[in-house]
């Protein structure tokens, strides 16, 4: 149920679809297609996430300010089936490393956990004690920040994994949709979503140990330039330019506003870019 890389390094790139097709052929020589993409016409599966934040957008501003040590809270699910579990995740960034904790509960217990109530043993989707600890940590941080769902984000993920271990993983995310303050929780349907990265594919190279030599060859062959692609943060930033009365209040320090304006300009370039190869 869980092939998560709990501690890793990751590099992100925004690429065009033509480049993504060529990257797929390159990666297929080293990795195998994730089992959830097998048999799918686009080799991908759907991911849905509820991103939590405080009313003063603490997690958003941590990213805008480039805090080296930060975390985000999100709830992940993959479909509407009643028997499918709901995953509560903490994603931490410690300098350049990514650390993840997540615990799964049965779908009928998810709303209670989101309200701050820890599940009992019968409501857990796994007997792994590490997942129970992750759920406790999630609720503690959620309650501390008074965080609640701010966005429903959905996309299609093509994932390639190591043949014998979990040391390397390559993902390509497409069709990223952003829905602000969702009313229907844990559902795949979205109401009037924003498209966050039109004409772009988010390529991520993820590894748990030494940077693989063939990763370096991939970057060189396709002339890739590392960048930022934060689905929640960039989705909110898109809203700032799309909804006239939307504002993120409470952070007016000059250096913060300068960083925000820089982020907005970067997102605008992505939004208005053409589908031609870079």
Protein backbone atom coordinates (compact mmCIF):
# COMPACT_ATOMS: atom_id res chain seq x y z
CA UNK A 1 0.00 0.00 0.00
CA UNK A 2 2.88 2.36 0.69
CA UNK A 3 5.92 2.69 -1.60
CA UNK A 4 6.75 6.12 -0.19
CA UNK A 5 10.31 7.41 -0.13
CA UNK A 6 10.27 8.58 3.50
CA UNK A 7 13.55 10.48 3.20
CA UNK A 8 14.95 11.70 -0.08
CA UNK A 9 16.41 14.47 -2.19
CA UNK A 10 14.44 15.76 -5.13
CA UNK A 11 14.99 18.04 -8.13
CA UNK A 12 12.16 19.66 -10.10
CA UNK A 13 11.98 20.77 -13.71
CA UNK A 14 9.20 22.26 -15.84
CA UNK A 15 9.30 20.71 -19.30
CA UNK A 16 7.15 20.55 -22.44
CA UNK A 17 5.13 17.51 -23.44
CA UNK A 18 7.44 16.72 -26.37
CA UNK A 19 10.37 16.65 -23.99
CA UNK A 20 8.38 14.52 -21.53
CA UNK A 21 7.80 11.88 -24.20
CA UNK A 22 11.55 11.67 -24.85
CA UNK A 23 12.32 11.63 -21.11
CA UNK A 24 9.92 8.68 -20.77
CA UNK A 25 11.90 6.67 -23.34
CA UNK A 26 15.17 7.53 -21.58
CA UNK A 27 13.91 6.65 -18.08
CA UNK A 28 12.38 3.36 -19.23
CA UNK A 29 15.91 2.02 -19.76
CA UNK A 30 16.61 2.32 -16.01
CA UNK A 31 13.29 2.16 -14.15
CA UNK A 32 9.99 0.32 -14.37
CA UNK A 33 6.55 1.87 -14.66
CA UNK A 34 4.71 2.22 -11.35
CA UNK A 35 2.11 -0.54 -11.04
CA UNK A 36 -0.74 1.98 -10.80
CA UNK A 37 0.11 3.32 -14.26
CA UNK A 38 0.28 -0.09 -15.92
CA UNK A 39 -2.59 -0.55 -18.36
CA UNK A 40 -3.54 3.13 -18.35
CA UNK A 41 -3.59 4.79 -21.80
CA UNK A 42 -1.46 7.70 -20.51
CA UNK A 43 0.61 5.47 -18.17
CA UNK A 44 -0.63 7.64 -15.31
CA UNK A 45 -2.94 7.60 -12.30
CA UNK A 46 -4.90 10.37 -10.58
CA UNK A 47 -3.78 12.01 -7.35
CA UNK A 48 -6.03 14.23 -5.22
CA UNK A 49 -4.76 16.25 -2.27
CA UNK A 50 -6.35 18.58 0.25
CA UNK A 51 -3.75 21.13 1.34
CA UNK A 52 -4.21 22.57 4.82
CA UNK A 53 -3.12 26.00 5.98
CA UNK A 54 -3.86 28.46 8.77
CA UNK A 55 -6.11 31.47 8.24
CA UNK A 56 -3.02 33.65 7.92
CA UNK A 57 -1.46 31.20 5.41
CA UNK A 58 1.55 30.22 7.51
CA UNK A 59 2.68 27.42 5.20
CA UNK A 60 2.22 29.53 2.08
CA UNK A 61 4.42 32.31 3.43
CA UNK A 62 7.09 29.89 4.62
CA UNK A 63 7.55 28.81 1.01
CA UNK A 64 7.41 32.35 -0.39
CA UNK A 65 10.08 33.40 2.13
CA UNK A 66 12.24 30.40 1.22
CA UNK A 67 12.48 29.02 4.76
CA UNK A 68 15.04 26.23 4.72
CA UNK A 69 13.22 24.23 7.40
CA UNK A 70 9.48 24.08 6.79
CA UNK A 71 6.63 21.63 6.42
CA UNK A 72 3.20 21.30 4.88
CA UNK A 73 0.11 19.31 5.82
CA UNK A 74 -1.99 17.55 3.22
CA UNK A 75 -4.54 14.79 2.90
CA UNK A 76 -4.12 12.51 -0.10
CA UNK A 77 -6.54 10.14 -1.82
CA UNK A 78 -6.81 8.55 -5.23
CA UNK A 79 -10.45 7.81 -6.04
CA UNK A 80 -14.02 7.86 -4.73
CA UNK A 81 -14.28 4.22 -3.71
CA UNK A 82 -15.63 3.76 -0.15
CA UNK A 83 -13.03 1.07 0.57
CA UNK A 84 -10.05 3.24 -0.42
CA UNK A 85 -7.97 4.66 2.46
CA UNK A 86 -7.27 8.33 3.08
CA UNK A 87 -3.65 9.34 3.73
CA UNK A 88 -2.70 12.14 6.14
CA UNK A 89 0.77 13.43 5.27
CA UNK A 90 3.44 15.71 6.73
CA UNK A 91 6.02 16.76 4.15
CA UNK A 92 9.05 18.41 5.71
CA UNK A 93 11.94 20.19 4.05
CA UNK A 94 15.15 20.21 6.10
CA UNK A 95 17.64 22.24 4.06
CA UNK A 96 17.71 20.23 0.79
CA UNK A 97 16.29 16.98 2.15
CA UNK A 98 12.63 15.94 1.99
CA UNK A 99 11.18 13.88 4.84
CA UNK A 100 7.69 12.43 4.74
CA UNK A 101 5.40 10.95 7.33
CA UNK A 102 1.99 9.60 6.51
CA UNK A 103 -0.71 7.52 8.11
CA UNK A 104 -3.73 5.98 6.48
CA UNK A 105 -7.24 5.66 7.89
CA UNK A 106 -10.41 4.13 6.59
CA UNK A 107 -12.47 6.61 4.63
CA UNK A 108 -15.31 6.74 7.18
CA UNK A 109 -12.85 8.00 9.83
CA UNK A 110 -11.24 10.72 7.71
CA UNK A 111 -13.54 13.63 8.60
CA UNK A 112 -13.10 12.97 12.33
CA UNK A 113 -9.30 13.04 11.95
CA UNK A 114 -9.58 16.29 10.00
CA UNK A 115 -11.52 17.66 12.95
CA UNK A 116 -8.62 16.76 15.25
CA UNK A 117 -9.81 13.41 16.61
CA UNK A 118 -7.27 10.60 16.65
CA UNK A 119 -8.60 7.32 15.18
CA UNK A 120 -8.83 4.13 17.20
CA UNK A 121 -7.23 0.90 16.07
CA UNK A 122 -10.26 -0.29 14.12
CA UNK A 123 -10.21 2.88 12.01
CA UNK A 124 -6.59 2.54 10.90
CA UNK A 125 -5.92 1.23 7.39
CA UNK A 126 -2.61 -0.32 8.45
CA UNK A 127 -1.18 -1.98 11.54
CA UNK A 128 2.16 -0.21 11.07
CA UNK A 129 2.87 1.68 14.34
CA UNK A 130 4.77 4.31 12.36
CA UNK A 131 1.57 5.31 10.61
CA UNK A 132 -0.26 5.75 13.92
CA UNK A 133 2.56 8.02 15.09
CA UNK A 134 2.34 10.00 11.84
CA UNK A 135 -1.38 10.55 12.39
CA UNK A 136 -0.73 11.79 15.93
CA UNK A 137 1.93 14.22 14.66
CA UNK A 138 -0.38 15.41 11.89
CA UNK A 139 -3.20 16.19 14.34
CA UNK A 140 -0.81 17.94 16.71
CA UNK A 141 0.52 20.26 13.99
CA UNK A 142 -2.94 20.81 12.51
CA UNK A 143 -4.34 21.83 15.87
CA UNK A 144 -1.35 24.01 16.70
CA UNK A 145 -1.76 26.04 13.50
CA UNK A 146 -5.56 25.79 13.45
CA UNK A 147 -5.09 24.60 9.90
CA UNK A 148 -7.98 23.60 7.66
CA UNK A 149 -8.38 22.59 3.99
CA UNK A 150 -7.53 25.54 1.76
CA UNK A 151 -7.23 23.84 -1.59
CA UNK A 152 -8.11 20.68 -3.49
CA UNK A 153 -5.37 19.90 -6.01
CA UNK A 154 -5.64 17.15 -8.61
CA UNK A 155 -3.33 15.92 -11.35
CA UNK A 156 -2.27 12.88 -13.36
CA UNK A 157 1.03 11.29 -12.34
CA UNK A 158 3.28 9.11 -14.47
CA UNK A 159 5.74 7.42 -12.11
CA UNK A 160 8.80 5.26 -12.71
CA UNK A 161 10.45 3.31 -9.88
CA UNK A 162 13.60 1.30 -9.20
CA UNK A 163 13.47 -2.34 -10.15
CA UNK A 164 14.88 -3.73 -6.90
CA UNK A 165 14.58 -0.99 -4.28
CA UNK A 166 13.18 2.47 -3.72
CA UNK A 167 16.42 4.41 -4.23
CA UNK A 168 15.35 6.24 -7.38
CA UNK A 169 11.99 7.49 -8.60
CA UNK A 170 11.02 9.71 -11.51
CA UNK A 171 7.58 11.31 -11.75
CA UNK A 172 5.90 13.48 -14.36
CA UNK A 173 2.78 15.37 -13.27
CA UNK A 174 0.29 16.72 -15.80
CA UNK A 175 -3.06 18.54 -15.85
CA UNK A 176 -2.61 20.20 -12.45
CA UNK A 177 -5.95 21.61 -11.28
CA UNK A 178 -6.49 23.87 -8.26
CA UNK A 179 -9.80 24.37 -6.43
CA UNK A 180 -9.77 26.91 -3.55
CA UNK A 181 -11.43 26.05 -0.22
CA UNK A 182 -13.26 22.89 -1.33
CA UNK A 183 -16.70 22.26 0.11
CA UNK A 184 -16.83 18.57 -0.73
CA UNK A 185 -14.00 16.79 1.07
CA UNK A 186 -12.41 13.54 -0.10
CA UNK A 187 -14.20 13.67 -3.47
CA UNK A 188 -12.54 13.70 -6.87
CA UNK A 189 -15.06 16.10 -8.44
CA UNK A 190 -13.90 19.72 -8.66
CA UNK A 191 -15.93 22.90 -9.14
CA UNK A 192 -14.50 25.51 -11.52
CA UNK A 193 -10.82 24.64 -10.93
CA UNK A 194 -7.88 26.77 -12.04
CA UNK A 195 -5.18 25.31 -14.27
CA UNK A 196 -1.85 25.99 -12.59
CA UNK A 197 0.82 24.87 -15.07
CA UNK A 198 -0.73 25.00 -18.56
CA UNK A 199 1.33 23.46 -21.37
CA UNK A 200 3.89 22.19 -18.85
CA UNK A 201 4.82 18.89 -17.24
CA UNK A 202 6.40 18.82 -13.77
CA UNK A 203 9.36 16.45 -13.88
CA UNK A 204 10.79 15.34 -10.53
CA UNK A 205 13.96 13.31 -10.00
CA UNK A 206 13.87 11.71 -6.54
CA UNK A 207 16.65 9.71 -4.94
CA UNK A 208 17.53 8.44 -1.48
CA UNK A 209 21.31 8.16 -1.70
CA UNK A 210 23.95 9.37 -4.13
CA UNK A 211 22.75 11.29 -7.18
CA UNK A 212 22.59 8.56 -9.86
CA UNK A 213 25.01 9.02 -12.76
CA UNK A 214 22.23 8.45 -15.25
CA UNK A 215 20.19 11.27 -13.65
CA UNK A 216 23.08 13.60 -14.51
CA UNK A 217 23.13 12.21 -18.06
CA UNK A 218 19.37 12.79 -18.38
CA UNK A 219 19.73 16.42 -17.25
CA UNK A 220 22.59 16.97 -19.70
CA UNK A 221 20.91 15.27 -22.67
CA UNK A 222 17.71 17.30 -22.37
CA UNK A 223 19.37 20.53 -21.24
CA UNK A 224 17.14 20.70 -18.16
CA UNK A 225 17.11 23.70 -15.84
CA UNK A 226 16.15 23.12 -12.24
CA UNK A 227 13.25 25.25 -11.03
CA UNK A 228 10.32 25.52 -8.66
CA UNK A 229 6.86 24.06 -9.11
CA UNK A 230 4.89 24.16 -5.86
CA UNK A 231 1.33 23.15 -6.67
CA UNK A 232 -0.33 24.69 -3.61
CA UNK A 233 1.74 27.87 -3.46
CA UNK A 234 1.65 28.54 -7.18
CA UNK A 235 -2.07 27.74 -7.26
CA UNK A 236 -2.77 30.41 -4.64
CA UNK A 237 -0.54 32.81 -6.55
CA UNK A 238 -2.55 32.19 -9.73
CA UNK A 239 -5.69 33.05 -7.78
CA UNK A 240 -4.25 36.38 -6.72
CA UNK A 241 -4.17 37.45 -10.37
CA UNK A 242 -7.40 35.71 -11.38
CA UNK A 243 -9.83 36.69 -8.61
CA UNK A 244 -10.08 40.44 -8.02
CA UNK A 245 -11.17 40.29 -4.37
CA UNK A 246 -8.74 37.54 -3.32
CA UNK A 247 -5.96 38.73 -1.03
CA UNK A 248 -3.51 37.14 1.37
CA UNK A 249 -3.58 39.53 4.29
CA UNK A 250 -1.25 39.93 7.21
CA UNK A 251 2.20 39.86 5.63
CA UNK A 252 3.28 43.25 4.40
CA UNK A 253 6.99 43.31 5.25
CA UNK A 254 8.85 44.81 2.26
CA UNK A 255 11.13 41.80 1.80
CA UNK A 256 8.13 39.45 1.86
CA UNK A 257 6.24 41.49 -0.71
CA UNK A 258 9.33 41.57 -2.91
CA UNK A 259 9.61 37.78 -2.82
CA UNK A 260 5.88 37.44 -3.51
CA UNK A 261 6.10 39.73 -6.53
CA UNK A 262 9.01 37.70 -7.86
CA UNK A 263 6.97 34.52 -7.46
CA UNK A 264 3.99 36.10 -9.23
CA UNK A 265 6.15 37.11 -12.17
CA UNK A 266 7.52 33.57 -12.45
CA UNK A 267 4.02 32.09 -12.37
CA UNK A 268 2.81 34.58 -14.99
CA UNK A 269 5.56 33.44 -17.34
CA UNK A 270 4.46 29.84 -16.89
CA UNK A 271 0.80 30.74 -17.39
CA UNK A 272 1.43 32.64 -20.62
CA UNK A 273 4.10 30.40 -22.11
CA UNK A 274 3.49 28.63 -25.39
CA UNK A 275 3.53 24.83 -25.84
CA UNK A 276 6.62 24.99 -28.06
CA UNK A 277 9.80 23.34 -26.87
CA UNK A 278 11.91 25.48 -24.57
